[in-house]
Amino acid sequence: QDELAKSKTIVLNCMALSSPQGVFPAVAQQLGLPVATGREGLRRLEKQLTAQGPMVLLVLDELDQLESKGQDVLYTLFEWTRLPGSRLVLVGLANALDLTDRSLARLRTSPHGGPQLLHFPPYTREQLAAILQERLGQVDGDPILDAAALQFCARKVSAVSGDARKALDVCRRAVEVVELEVRSQTLLKPLPGGEL
C-alpha cells in the first residue's frame, strides 16, 4: 500500500474508447499531458513514461477491445513496459483467455518473456449468490429480490458463464420490469369517486 501511494494509478475501461488508438490520448490526459494524436503524441507519452518520476500503474479493463490491425496498439503498450528507465506497470483484464497466444505471439518470443498471466475461473453458483446478496444488501429497506430468485439467477448464470456482471444485470433488469408493472398498474387505477 505504501508503494502504491507514491505511484500514479490510471484505470481505463477500453470499451469506453472510440477506437483502440484512443487509449494513448486517454493516458496522456490522466498524466496531465497535452492531448496529441499521431506520432507526436506517442513520442511525448513515451518520453513521459521513461522520465524520472513515480511508477505509473495502468489498469486496462476489457483489454481485448484494443485489438487492431497488426496489434500495433497492444504491442506499443507492452513494449513501453520494457523500455530502459520505464516506470510503466501494465495490468490488462480480458475475458479472452487466449489473447496473448492468439494476438500477441511476438511477446512470447521476446528476450524478457511474455506477460504474466493470472487465470480467474468463472464464479460458482455459491459465489454468485453471495455476490448478489452482498450487493443487494447494500440497499436500505426491504429486500429487493426474494432469496429464491437470487439463488435461481445465480444457478442459471453460473451454468452459462459464471460472470458476476451478467448476474447483476439480470437482477437489475428484473427490478426494472417490476417497476414498469407497478407504474402501469398505478396509472390504470380508477380515481376515488369512480372518475377515470
Protein backbone atom coordinates (compact mmCIF):
# COMPACT_ATOMS: atom_id res chain seq x y z
CA GLN A 1 0.00 0.00 0.00
CA ASP A 2 2.85 2.40 0.82
CA GLU A 3 4.48 1.77 -2.55
CA LEU A 4 1.18 2.28 -4.40
CA ALA A 5 0.53 5.53 -2.53
CA LYS A 6 3.60 7.00 -4.21
CA SER A 7 2.51 5.89 -7.68
CA LYS A 8 0.06 7.26 -10.24
CA THR A 9 -2.79 4.81 -10.90
CA ILE A 10 -4.80 5.09 -14.11
CA VAL A 11 -7.83 2.84 -14.65
CA LEU A 12 -9.46 2.83 -18.09
CA ASN A 13 -12.32 0.76 -19.45
CA CYS A 14 -11.31 0.13 -23.05
CA MET A 15 -14.94 -0.37 -24.10
CA ALA A 16 -15.46 3.35 -23.48
CA LEU A 17 -12.83 4.31 -26.06
CA SER A 18 -13.95 5.27 -29.55
CA SER A 19 -11.04 3.34 -31.11
CA PRO A 20 -8.04 1.30 -29.93
CA GLN A 21 -5.74 4.29 -30.62
CA GLY A 22 -7.88 6.34 -28.20
CA VAL A 23 -6.04 4.73 -25.28
CA PHE A 24 -3.00 6.96 -25.84
CA PRO A 25 -4.75 10.36 -25.53
CA ALA A 26 -6.72 8.99 -22.56
CA VAL A 27 -3.49 8.04 -20.75
CA ALA A 28 -1.87 11.36 -21.69
CA GLN A 29 -4.83 13.25 -20.26
CA GLN A 30 -4.60 11.29 -16.98
CA LEU A 31 -0.91 12.18 -16.77
CA GLY A 32 -1.64 15.87 -17.30
CA LEU A 33 -0.04 16.00 -20.75
CA PRO A 34 -1.49 17.96 -23.64
CA VAL A 35 -3.59 15.55 -25.68
CA ALA A 36 -1.96 14.96 -29.03
CA THR A 37 -2.62 12.22 -31.53
CA GLY A 38 -0.33 10.54 -34.04
CA ARG A 39 3.40 10.02 -33.73
CA GLU A 40 3.98 13.24 -31.81
CA GLY A 41 1.52 12.21 -29.11
CA LEU A 42 3.08 8.74 -28.85
CA ARG A 43 6.61 10.20 -28.58
CA ARG A 44 5.55 12.64 -25.87
CA LEU A 45 3.83 9.90 -23.89
CA GLU A 46 6.78 7.50 -24.24
CA LYS A 47 9.17 10.23 -23.09
CA GLN A 48 6.98 10.91 -20.04
CA LEU A 49 6.83 7.21 -19.12
CA THR A 50 10.62 6.83 -19.27
CA ALA A 51 11.46 10.08 -17.43
CA GLN A 52 12.18 10.22 -13.71
CA GLY A 53 9.09 10.12 -11.55
CA PRO A 54 6.70 7.86 -9.69
CA MET A 55 5.59 4.50 -11.02
CA VAL A 56 2.57 4.63 -13.35
CA LEU A 57 0.18 1.71 -12.80
CA LEU A 58 -2.02 1.46 -15.89
CA VAL A 59 -5.03 -0.83 -15.46
CA LEU A 60 -6.86 -1.55 -18.72
CA ASP A 61 -10.20 -3.29 -18.31
CA GLU A 62 -11.54 -5.09 -21.42
CA LEU A 63 -8.01 -5.11 -22.87
CA ASP A 64 -9.17 -7.20 -25.83
CA GLN A 65 -11.02 -4.10 -27.11
CA LEU A 66 -7.59 -2.69 -28.06
CA GLU A 67 -7.05 -5.35 -30.70
CA SER A 68 -6.33 -3.68 -34.03
CA LYS A 69 -4.81 -4.47 -37.40
CA GLY A 70 -1.25 -5.60 -36.74
CA GLN A 71 -1.90 -5.23 -32.99
CA ASP A 72 0.20 -2.05 -33.01
CA VAL A 73 -1.65 -0.53 -30.03
CA LEU A 74 -1.22 -3.57 -27.77
CA TYR A 75 2.40 -4.14 -28.81
CA THR A 76 3.22 -0.47 -28.15
CA LEU A 77 1.75 -0.63 -24.64
CA PHE A 78 3.54 -3.87 -23.73
CA GLU A 79 6.83 -2.65 -25.23
CA TRP A 80 6.71 0.57 -23.19
CA THR A 81 6.94 -1.51 -20.01
CA ARG A 82 10.32 -2.85 -21.22
CA LEU A 83 11.99 0.39 -22.28
CA PRO A 84 15.09 1.43 -20.33
CA GLY A 85 14.01 3.59 -17.42
CA SER A 86 10.33 2.75 -17.93
CA ARG A 87 8.15 3.37 -14.91
CA LEU A 88 5.02 1.87 -16.50
CA VAL A 89 3.38 -1.20 -14.99
CA LEU A 90 0.60 -2.57 -17.16
CA VAL A 91 -2.30 -4.66 -15.86
CA GLY A 92 -4.71 -5.86 -18.53
CA LEU A 93 -8.07 -7.53 -17.81
CA ALA A 94 -9.77 -9.56 -20.53
CA ASN A 95 -12.33 -12.33 -20.84
CA ALA A 96 -10.39 -13.85 -23.75
CA LEU A 97 -8.04 -16.32 -22.09
CA ASP A 98 -6.05 -16.83 -25.29
CA LEU A 99 -5.49 -13.12 -26.04
CA THR A 100 -1.71 -13.21 -25.71
CA ASP A 101 -1.37 -16.56 -27.52
CA ARG A 102 -3.76 -15.63 -30.33
CA SER A 103 -2.99 -11.97 -30.89
CA LEU A 104 0.32 -11.20 -29.25
CA ALA A 105 2.54 -14.17 -30.15
CA ARG A 106 5.55 -11.87 -30.61
CA LEU A 107 5.54 -11.10 -26.88
CA ARG A 108 6.37 -14.72 -26.03
CA THR A 109 9.47 -14.65 -28.22
CA SER A 110 10.79 -11.51 -26.53
CA PRO A 111 14.03 -11.94 -24.53
CA HIS A 112 12.10 -10.72 -21.47
CA GLY A 113 9.44 -13.40 -21.93
CA GLY A 114 5.71 -12.87 -22.26
CA PRO A 115 3.38 -11.18 -19.80
CA GLN A 116 2.50 -12.98 -16.59
CA LEU A 117 -0.98 -14.47 -16.90
CA LEU A 118 -3.37 -14.94 -14.00
CA HIS A 119 -6.44 -17.02 -14.75
CA PHE A 120 -9.55 -16.35 -12.71
CA PRO A 121 -12.11 -19.13 -13.21
CA PRO A 122 -15.80 -18.28 -13.62
CA TYR A 123 -17.75 -17.76 -10.42
CA THR A 124 -19.60 -20.75 -8.99
CA ARG A 125 -23.31 -20.70 -8.10
CA GLU A 126 -22.48 -20.19 -4.43
CA GLN A 127 -20.06 -17.34 -5.15
CA LEU A 128 -22.56 -15.60 -7.44
CA ALA A 129 -25.33 -15.93 -4.83
CA ALA A 130 -23.02 -14.39 -2.20
CA ILE A 131 -22.08 -11.50 -4.53
CA LEU A 132 -25.73 -10.80 -5.34
CA GLN A 133 -26.76 -10.91 -1.67
CA GLU A 134 -23.90 -8.62 -0.68
CA ARG A 135 -24.59 -6.08 -3.45
CA LEU A 136 -28.35 -6.03 -2.99
CA GLY A 137 -27.95 -5.96 0.79
CA GLN A 138 -26.33 -2.52 0.45
CA VAL A 139 -29.76 -1.04 -0.40
CA ASP A 140 -31.73 0.17 2.59
CA GLY A 141 -35.26 -1.09 3.29
CA ASP A 142 -36.98 -4.34 2.43
CA PRO A 143 -35.14 -6.94 0.34
CA ILE A 144 -35.31 -6.05 -3.35
CA LEU A 145 -35.42 -9.60 -4.66
CA ASP A 146 -36.58 -12.78 -2.97
CA ALA A 147 -33.77 -15.10 -1.80
CA ALA A 148 -35.11 -17.88 -4.04
CA ALA A 149 -34.96 -15.55 -7.05
CA LEU A 150 -31.32 -14.74 -6.27
CA GLN A 151 -30.49 -18.45 -6.00
CA PHE A 152 -32.26 -19.10 -9.31
CA CYS A 153 -30.35 -16.28 -11.03
CA ALA A 154 -27.02 -17.48 -9.60
CA ARG A 155 -27.71 -21.05 -10.73
CA LYS A 156 -28.64 -20.02 -14.29
CA VAL A 157 -25.74 -17.59 -14.78
CA SER A 158 -23.15 -19.98 -13.31
CA ALA A 159 -24.31 -22.65 -15.78
CA VAL A 160 -23.82 -20.32 -18.74
CA SER A 161 -20.89 -18.01 -18.00
CA GLY A 162 -20.16 -17.53 -14.29
CA ASP A 163 -19.96 -13.78 -15.00
CA ALA A 164 -20.94 -11.66 -11.97
CA ARG A 165 -21.73 -8.68 -14.21
CA LYS A 166 -24.27 -10.78 -16.10
CA ALA A 167 -25.92 -11.90 -12.85
CA LEU A 168 -26.13 -8.30 -11.61
CA ASP A 169 -27.52 -7.22 -14.98
CA VAL A 170 -30.26 -9.90 -14.77
CA CYS A 171 -31.23 -8.62 -11.30
CA ARG A 172 -31.24 -5.01 -12.49
CA ARG A 173 -33.47 -5.95 -15.43
CA ALA A 174 -35.85 -7.85 -13.12
CA VAL A 175 -36.22 -4.78 -10.91
CA GLU A 176 -36.87 -2.59 -13.99
CA VAL A 177 -39.63 -4.97 -15.16
CA VAL A 178 -41.31 -4.85 -11.74
CA GLU A 179 -41.05 -1.04 -11.66
CA LEU A 180 -42.74 -0.83 -15.07
CA GLU A 181 -45.55 -3.14 -13.94
CA VAL A 182 -46.13 -1.12 -10.75
CA ARG A 183 -46.17 2.15 -12.70
CA SER A 184 -48.65 0.84 -15.27
CA GLN A 185 -50.95 -0.52 -12.52
CA THR A 186 -50.84 2.82 -10.72
CA LEU A 187 -51.74 4.67 -13.91
CA LEU A 188 -54.71 2.37 -14.64
CA LYS A 189 -56.25 2.55 -11.14
CA PRO A 190 -59.57 4.45 -11.10
CA LEU A 191 -59.55 7.68 -9.15
CA PRO A 192 -61.66 7.97 -5.96
CA GLY A 193 -65.31 8.69 -6.80
CA GLY A 194 -65.31 6.50 -9.90
CA GLU A 195 -63.62 9.06 -12.21
CA LEU A 196 -61.05 7.88 -14.75
